[in-house]
Amino acid sequence: MLLAEKEIRIPIEEAHNGLLDYFRRNVLESLLSNEIPIRFVITQTDNDGYSCELGVLSSGENLNGSIFD
């Protein structure tokens, strides 16, 4: 297993409704099938979106579970 850090940009959610689910979907879409997020931090917010850091655990096999479960 390998632990890595990633930075991603998530577009702004104008309504600010259901943000946890919105972040979960965007984070999981940015990962490979053998990666799971174990750390999620929003480091900056502006009118265009959210700058985020991810701690990601990866393996040679498909992993189940994440911090969003």
PDB file of N, CA and C in Angstrom:
ATOM      1  N   MET A   1       0.839  -1.174   0.000  1.00  0.00           N
ATOM      2  CA  MET A   1       0.000   0.000   0.000  1.00  0.00           C
ATOM      3  C   MET A   1       0.884   1.237   0.000  1.00  0.00           C
ATOM      4  N   LEU A   2       0.348   2.291  -0.583  1.00  0.00           N
ATOM      5  CA  LEU A   2       1.080   3.545  -0.711  1.00  0.00           C
ATOM      6  C   LEU A   2       0.195   4.687  -0.231  1.00  0.00           C
ATOM      7  N   LEU A   3       0.757   5.572   0.563  1.00  0.00           N
ATOM      8  CA  LEU A   3       0.051   6.762   1.023  1.00  0.00           C
ATOM      9  C   LEU A   3       0.598   7.960   0.267  1.00  0.00           C
ATOM     10  N   ALA A   4      -0.289   8.744  -0.344  1.00  0.00           N
ATOM     11  CA  ALA A   4       0.133   9.899  -1.140  1.00  0.00           C
ATOM     12  C   ALA A   4      -0.774  11.085  -0.850  1.00  0.00           C
ATOM     13  N   GLU A   5      -0.281  12.255  -1.185  1.00  0.00           N
ATOM     14  CA  GLU A   5      -1.062  13.490  -1.078  1.00  0.00           C
ATOM     15  C   GLU A   5      -1.406  13.961  -2.479  1.00  0.00           C
ATOM     16  N   LYS A   6      -2.629  14.442  -2.650  1.00  0.00           N
ATOM     17  CA  LYS A   6      -3.076  14.998  -3.928  1.00  0.00           C
ATOM     18  C   LYS A   6      -3.718  16.348  -3.658  1.00  0.00           C
ATOM     19  N   GLU A   7      -3.652  17.219  -4.646  1.00  0.00           N
ATOM     20  CA  GLU A   7      -4.388  18.477  -4.597  1.00  0.00           C
ATOM     21  C   GLU A   7      -5.401  18.460  -5.729  1.00  0.00           C
ATOM     22  N   ILE A   8      -6.638  18.829  -5.416  1.00  0.00           N
ATOM     23  CA  ILE A   8      -7.678  18.887  -6.440  1.00  0.00           C
ATOM     24  C   ILE A   8      -8.429  20.206  -6.301  1.00  0.00           C
ATOM     25  N   ARG A   9      -9.107  20.564  -7.347  1.00  0.00           N
ATOM     26  CA  ARG A   9      -9.949  21.765  -7.370  1.00  0.00           C
ATOM     27  C   ARG A   9     -11.378  21.310  -7.634  1.00  0.00           C
ATOM     28  N   ILE A  10     -12.301  21.701  -6.773  1.00  0.00           N
ATOM     29  CA  ILE A  10     -13.709  21.349  -6.917  1.00  0.00           C
ATOM     30  C   ILE A  10     -14.474  22.625  -7.249  1.00  0.00           C
ATOM     31  N   PRO A  11     -15.272  22.614  -8.319  1.00  0.00           N
ATOM     32  CA  PRO A  11     -16.049  23.812  -8.678  1.00  0.00           C
ATOM     33  C   PRO A  11     -17.005  24.216  -7.548  1.00  0.00           C
ATOM     34  N   ILE A  12     -17.288  25.489  -7.495  1.00  0.00           N
ATOM     35  CA  ILE A  12     -18.164  26.014  -6.443  1.00  0.00           C
ATOM     36  C   ILE A  12     -19.571  25.422  -6.555  1.00  0.00           C
ATOM     37  N   GLU A  13     -20.183  25.175  -5.428  1.00  0.00           N
ATOM     38  CA  GLU A  13     -21.584  24.744  -5.353  1.00  0.00           C
ATOM     39  C   GLU A  13     -22.372  25.979  -4.937  1.00  0.00           C
ATOM     40  N   GLU A  14     -23.043  26.590  -5.898  1.00  0.00           N
ATOM     41  CA  GLU A  14     -23.719  27.878  -5.674  1.00  0.00           C
ATOM     42  C   GLU A  14     -24.749  27.829  -4.552  1.00  0.00           C
ATOM     43  N   ALA A  15     -25.540  26.783  -4.488  1.00  0.00           N
ATOM     44  CA  ALA A  15     -26.623  26.717  -3.505  1.00  0.00           C
ATOM     45  C   ALA A  15     -26.124  26.368  -2.100  1.00  0.00           C
ATOM     46  N   HIS A  16     -24.919  25.824  -1.999  1.00  0.00           N
ATOM     47  CA  HIS A  16     -24.347  25.383  -0.720  1.00  0.00           C
ATOM     48  C   HIS A  16     -25.247  24.370  -0.014  1.00  0.00           C
ATOM     49  N   ASN A  17     -26.004  23.612  -0.787  1.00  0.00           N
ATOM     50  CA  ASN A  17     -26.867  22.569  -0.230  1.00  0.00           C
ATOM     51  C   ASN A  17     -26.208  21.211  -0.413  1.00  0.00           C
ATOM     52  N   GLY A  18     -26.266  20.368   0.604  1.00  0.00           N
ATOM     53  CA  GLY A  18     -25.726  19.019   0.493  1.00  0.00           C
ATOM     54  C   GLY A  18     -24.243  18.999   0.179  1.00  0.00           C
ATOM     55  N   LEU A  19     -23.468  19.870   0.832  1.00  0.00           N
ATOM     56  CA  LEU A  19     -22.049  19.988   0.493  1.00  0.00           C
ATOM     57  C   LEU A  19     -21.256  18.714   0.753  1.00  0.00           C
ATOM     58  N   LEU A  20     -21.546  18.012   1.822  1.00  0.00           N
ATOM     59  CA  LEU A  20     -20.788  16.789   2.101  1.00  0.00           C
ATOM     60  C   LEU A  20     -20.938  15.789   0.965  1.00  0.00           C
ATOM     61  N   ASP A  21     -22.153  15.586   0.487  1.00  0.00           N
ATOM     62  CA  ASP A  21     -22.380  14.678  -0.640  1.00  0.00           C
ATOM     63  C   ASP A  21     -21.725  15.214  -1.912  1.00  0.00           C
ATOM     64  N   TYR A  22     -21.788  16.518  -2.124  1.00  0.00           N
ATOM     65  CA  TYR A  22     -21.153  17.150  -3.290  1.00  0.00           C
ATOM     66  C   TYR A  22     -19.641  16.918  -3.263  1.00  0.00           C
ATOM     67  N   PHE A  23     -19.012  17.137  -2.098  1.00  0.00           N
ATOM     68  CA  PHE A  23     -17.571  16.904  -1.980  1.00  0.00           C
ATOM     69  C   PHE A  23     -17.245  15.427  -2.179  1.00  0.00           C
ATOM     70  N   ARG A  24     -18.040  14.541  -1.579  1.00  0.00           N
ATOM     71  CA  ARG A  24     -17.807  13.100  -1.715  1.00  0.00           C
ATOM     72  C   ARG A  24     -17.797  12.688  -3.182  1.00  0.00           C
ATOM     73  N   ARG A  25     -18.817  13.112  -3.938  1.00  0.00           N
ATOM     74  CA  ARG A  25     -18.895  12.749  -5.360  1.00  0.00           C
ATOM     75  C   ARG A  25     -17.678  13.264  -6.130  1.00  0.00           C
ATOM     76  N   ASN A  26     -17.311  14.510  -5.909  1.00  0.00           N
ATOM     77  CA  ASN A  26     -16.190  15.092  -6.639  1.00  0.00           C
ATOM     78  C   ASN A  26     -14.862  14.436  -6.277  1.00  0.00           C
ATOM     79  N   VAL A  27     -14.668  14.154  -5.000  1.00  0.00           N
ATOM     80  CA  VAL A  27     -13.429  13.497  -4.574  1.00  0.00           C
ATOM     81  C   VAL A  27     -13.342  12.103  -5.178  1.00  0.00           C
ATOM     82  N   LEU A  28     -14.399  11.314  -5.070  1.00  0.00           N
ATOM     83  CA  LEU A  28     -14.366   9.944  -5.581  1.00  0.00           C
ATOM     84  C   LEU A  28     -14.195   9.906  -7.094  1.00  0.00           C
ATOM     85  N   GLU A  29     -14.737  10.894  -7.815  1.00  0.00           N
ATOM     86  CA  GLU A  29     -14.544  10.965  -9.269  1.00  0.00           C
ATOM     87  C   GLU A  29     -13.093  11.261  -9.635  1.00  0.00           C
ATOM     88  N   SER A  30     -12.350  11.881  -8.741  1.00  0.00           N
ATOM     89  CA  SER A  30     -10.965  12.244  -9.042  1.00  0.00           C
ATOM     90  C   SER A  30      -9.974  11.116  -8.735  1.00  0.00           C
ATOM     91  N   LEU A  31     -10.453  10.027  -8.138  1.00  0.00           N
ATOM     92  CA  LEU A  31      -9.573   8.929  -7.731  1.00  0.00           C
ATOM     93  C   LEU A  31      -9.677   7.734  -8.670  1.00  0.00           C
ATOM     94  N   LEU A  32      -8.627   6.933  -8.676  1.00  0.00           N
ATOM     95  CA  LEU A  32      -8.632   5.668  -9.404  1.00  0.00           C
ATOM     96  C   LEU A  32      -9.372   4.619  -8.574  1.00  0.00           C
ATOM     97  N   SER A  33      -9.711   3.500  -9.188  1.00  0.00           N
ATOM     98  CA  SER A  33     -10.476   2.462  -8.484  1.00  0.00           C
ATOM     99  C   SER A  33      -9.683   1.817  -7.350  1.00  0.00           C
ATOM    100  N   ASN A  34      -8.356   1.918  -7.378  1.00  0.00           N
ATOM    101  CA  ASN A  34      -7.541   1.319  -6.321  1.00  0.00           C
ATOM    102  C   ASN A  34      -7.103   2.351  -5.277  1.00  0.00           C
ATOM    103  N   GLU A  35      -7.794   3.500  -5.211  1.00  0.00           N
ATOM    104  CA  GLU A  35      -7.466   4.551  -4.257  1.00  0.00           C
ATOM    105  C   GLU A  35      -8.675   4.865  -3.377  1.00  0.00           C
ATOM    106  N   ILE A  36      -8.407   5.162  -2.098  1.00  0.00           N
ATOM    107  CA  ILE A  36      -9.458   5.648  -1.206  1.00  0.00           C
ATOM    108  C   ILE A  36      -8.933   6.881  -0.467  1.00  0.00           C
ATOM    109  N   PRO A  37      -9.815   7.852  -0.249  1.00  0.00           N
ATOM    110  CA  PRO A  37      -9.396   9.031   0.503  1.00  0.00           C
ATOM    111  C   PRO A  37      -9.405   8.738   2.004  1.00  0.00           C
ATOM    112  N   ILE A  38      -8.334   9.146   2.684  1.00  0.00           N
ATOM    113  CA  ILE A  38      -8.286   8.985   4.139  1.00  0.00           C
ATOM    114  C   ILE A  38      -8.152  10.336   4.837  1.00  0.00           C
ATOM    115  N   ARG A  39      -7.950  11.393   4.053  1.00  0.00           N
ATOM    116  CA  ARG A  39      -7.859  12.752   4.591  1.00  0.00           C
ATOM    117  C   ARG A  39      -8.403  13.712   3.552  1.00  0.00           C
ATOM    118  N   PHE A  40      -9.223  14.674   3.971  1.00  0.00           N
ATOM    119  CA  PHE A  40      -9.803  15.667   3.069  1.00  0.00           C
ATOM    120  C   PHE A  40      -9.805  17.015   3.770  1.00  0.00           C
ATOM    121  N   VAL A  41      -9.161  18.011   3.142  1.00  0.00           N
ATOM    122  CA  VAL A  41      -9.077  19.350   3.718  1.00  0.00           C
ATOM    123  C   VAL A  41      -9.366  20.372   2.629  1.00  0.00           C
ATOM    124  N   ILE A  42     -10.244  21.324   2.925  1.00  0.00           N
ATOM    125  CA  ILE A  42     -10.442  22.462   2.031  1.00  0.00           C
ATOM    126  C   ILE A  42      -9.477  23.537   2.503  1.00  0.00           C
ATOM    127  N   THR A  43      -8.512  23.887   1.658  1.00  0.00           N
ATOM    128  CA  THR A  43      -7.472  24.835   2.043  1.00  0.00           C
ATOM    129  C   THR A  43      -7.773  26.260   1.621  1.00  0.00           C
ATOM    130  N   GLN A  44      -8.651  26.414   0.632  1.00  0.00           N
ATOM    131  CA  GLN A  44      -8.995  27.751   0.161  1.00  0.00           C
ATOM    132  C   GLN A  44     -10.329  27.693  -0.562  1.00  0.00           C
ATOM    133  N   THR A  45     -11.105  28.745  -0.397  1.00  0.00           N
ATOM    134  CA  THR A  45     -12.381  28.882  -1.093  1.00  0.00           C
ATOM    135  C   THR A  45     -12.411  30.244  -1.757  1.00  0.00           C
ATOM    136  N   ASP A  46     -12.882  30.280  -3.008  1.00  0.00           N
ATOM    137  CA  ASP A  46     -13.084  31.555  -3.688  1.00  0.00           C
ATOM    138  C   ASP A  46     -14.358  31.465  -4.515  1.00  0.00           C
ATOM    139  N   ASN A  47     -14.614  32.462  -5.341  1.00  0.00           N
ATOM    140  CA  ASN A  47     -15.854  32.494  -6.122  1.00  0.00           C
ATOM    141  C   ASN A  47     -15.939  31.391  -7.169  1.00  0.00           C
ATOM    142  N   ASP A  48     -14.806  30.769  -7.510  1.00  0.00           N
ATOM    143  CA  ASP A  48     -14.783  29.734  -8.542  1.00  0.00           C
ATOM    144  C   ASP A  48     -14.812  28.314  -7.990  1.00  0.00           C
ATOM    145  N   GLY A  49     -14.397  28.123  -6.738  1.00  0.00           N
ATOM    146  CA  GLY A  49     -14.391  26.768  -6.225  1.00  0.00           C
ATOM    147  C   GLY A  49     -13.613  26.597  -4.945  1.00  0.00           C
ATOM    148  N   TYR A  50     -13.303  25.333  -4.660  1.00  0.00           N
ATOM    149  CA  TYR A  50     -12.645  24.927  -3.433  1.00  0.00           C
ATOM    150  C   TYR A  50     -11.311  24.263  -3.783  1.00  0.00           C
ATOM    151  N   SER A  51     -10.229  24.762  -3.206  1.00  0.00           N
ATOM    152  CA  SER A  51      -8.932  24.101  -3.333  1.00  0.00           C
ATOM    153  C   SER A  51      -8.842  23.091  -2.200  1.00  0.00           C
ATOM    154  N   CYS A  52      -8.515  21.845  -2.549  1.00  0.00           N
ATOM    155  CA  CYS A  52      -8.556  20.767  -1.561  1.00  0.00           C
ATOM    156  C   CYS A  52      -7.271  19.955  -1.575  1.00  0.00           C
ATOM    157  N   GLU A  53      -6.940  19.402  -0.416  1.00  0.00           N
ATOM    158  CA  GLU A  53      -5.861  18.431  -0.281  1.00  0.00           C
ATOM    159  C   GLU A  53      -6.484  17.097   0.095  1.00  0.00           C
ATOM    160  N   LEU A  54      -5.947  16.041  -0.492  1.00  0.00           N
ATOM    161  CA  LEU A  54      -6.407  14.689  -0.188  1.00  0.00           C
ATOM    162  C   LEU A  54      -5.237  13.841   0.280  1.00  0.00           C
ATOM    163  N   GLY A  55      -5.445  13.076   1.323  1.00  0.00           N
ATOM    164  CA  GLY A  55      -4.556  11.989   1.669  1.00  0.00           C
ATOM    165  C   GLY A  55      -5.176  10.743   1.064  1.00  0.00           C
ATOM    166  N   VAL A  56      -4.411  10.029   0.245  1.00  0.00           N
ATOM    167  CA  VAL A  56      -4.958   8.912  -0.528  1.00  0.00           C
ATOM    168  C   VAL A  56      -4.152   7.646  -0.261  1.00  0.00           C
ATOM    169  N   LEU A  57      -4.857   6.579   0.054  1.00  0.00           N
ATOM    170  CA  LEU A  57      -4.253   5.269   0.221  1.00  0.00           C
ATOM    171  C   LEU A  57      -4.505   4.476  -1.049  1.00  0.00           C
ATOM    172  N   SER A  58      -3.445   3.930  -1.635  1.00  0.00           N
ATOM    173  CA  SER A  58      -3.615   3.149  -2.865  1.00  0.00           C
ATOM    174  C   SER A  58      -2.988   1.770  -2.694  1.00  0.00           C
ATOM    175  N   SER A  59      -3.515   0.839  -3.487  1.00  0.00           N
ATOM    176  CA  SER A  59      -3.098  -0.554  -3.419  1.00  0.00           C
ATOM    177  C   SER A  59      -3.152  -1.146  -4.814  1.00  0.00           C
ATOM    178  N   GLY A  60      -2.611  -2.326  -4.984  1.00  0.00           N
ATOM    179  CA  GLY A  60      -2.685  -3.016  -6.258  1.00  0.00           C
ATOM    180  C   GLY A  60      -4.061  -3.600  -6.521  1.00  0.00           C
ATOM    181  N   GLU A  61      -4.937  -3.577  -5.521  1.00  0.00           N
ATOM    182  CA  GLU A  61      -6.283  -4.121  -5.659  1.00  0.00           C
ATOM    183  C   GLU A  61      -7.297  -3.016  -5.410  1.00  0.00           C
ATOM    184  N   ASN A  62      -8.543  -3.296  -5.766  1.00  0.00           N
ATOM    185  CA  ASN A  62      -9.608  -2.332  -5.487  1.00  0.00           C
ATOM    186  C   ASN A  62      -9.838  -2.262  -3.984  1.00  0.00           C
ATOM    187  N   LEU A  63      -9.940  -1.044  -3.463  1.00  0.00           N
ATOM    188  CA  LEU A  63     -10.148  -0.831  -2.038  1.00  0.00           C
ATOM    189  C   LEU A  63     -11.580  -0.383  -1.785  1.00  0.00           C
ATOM    190  N   ASN A  64     -12.118  -0.771  -0.662  1.00  0.00           N
ATOM    191  CA  ASN A  64     -13.468  -0.358  -0.275  1.00  0.00           C
ATOM    192  C   ASN A  64     -13.392   0.559   0.931  1.00  0.00           C
ATOM    193  N   GLY A  65     -14.390   1.422   1.057  1.00  0.00           N
ATOM    194  CA  GLY A  65     -14.467   2.316   2.194  1.00  0.00           C
ATOM    195  C   GLY A  65     -13.715   3.604   1.942  1.00  0.00           C
ATOM    196  N   SER A  66     -14.121   4.630   2.661  1.00  0.00           N
ATOM    197  CA  SER A  66     -13.436   5.913   2.590  1.00  0.00           C
ATOM    198  C   SER A  66     -13.887   6.756   3.763  1.00  0.00           C
ATOM    199  N   ILE A  67     -13.320   7.921   3.913  1.00  0.00           N
ATOM    200  CA  ILE A  67     -13.730   8.821   4.985  1.00  0.00           C
ATOM    201  C   ILE A  67     -15.144   9.325   4.793  1.00  0.00           C
ATOM    202  N   PHE A  68     -15.698   9.179   3.585  1.00  0.00           N
ATOM    203  CA  PHE A  68     -17.044   9.661   3.304  1.00  0.00           C
ATOM    204  C   PHE A  68     -18.113   8.606   3.562  1.00  0.00           C
ATOM    205  N   ASP A  69     -17.713   7.395   3.926  1.00  0.00           N
ATOM    206  CA  ASP A  69     -18.689   6.326   4.203  1.00  0.00           C
ATOM    207  C   ASP A  69     -19.231   6.439   5.610  1.00  0.00           C
TER     208      ASP A  69
END
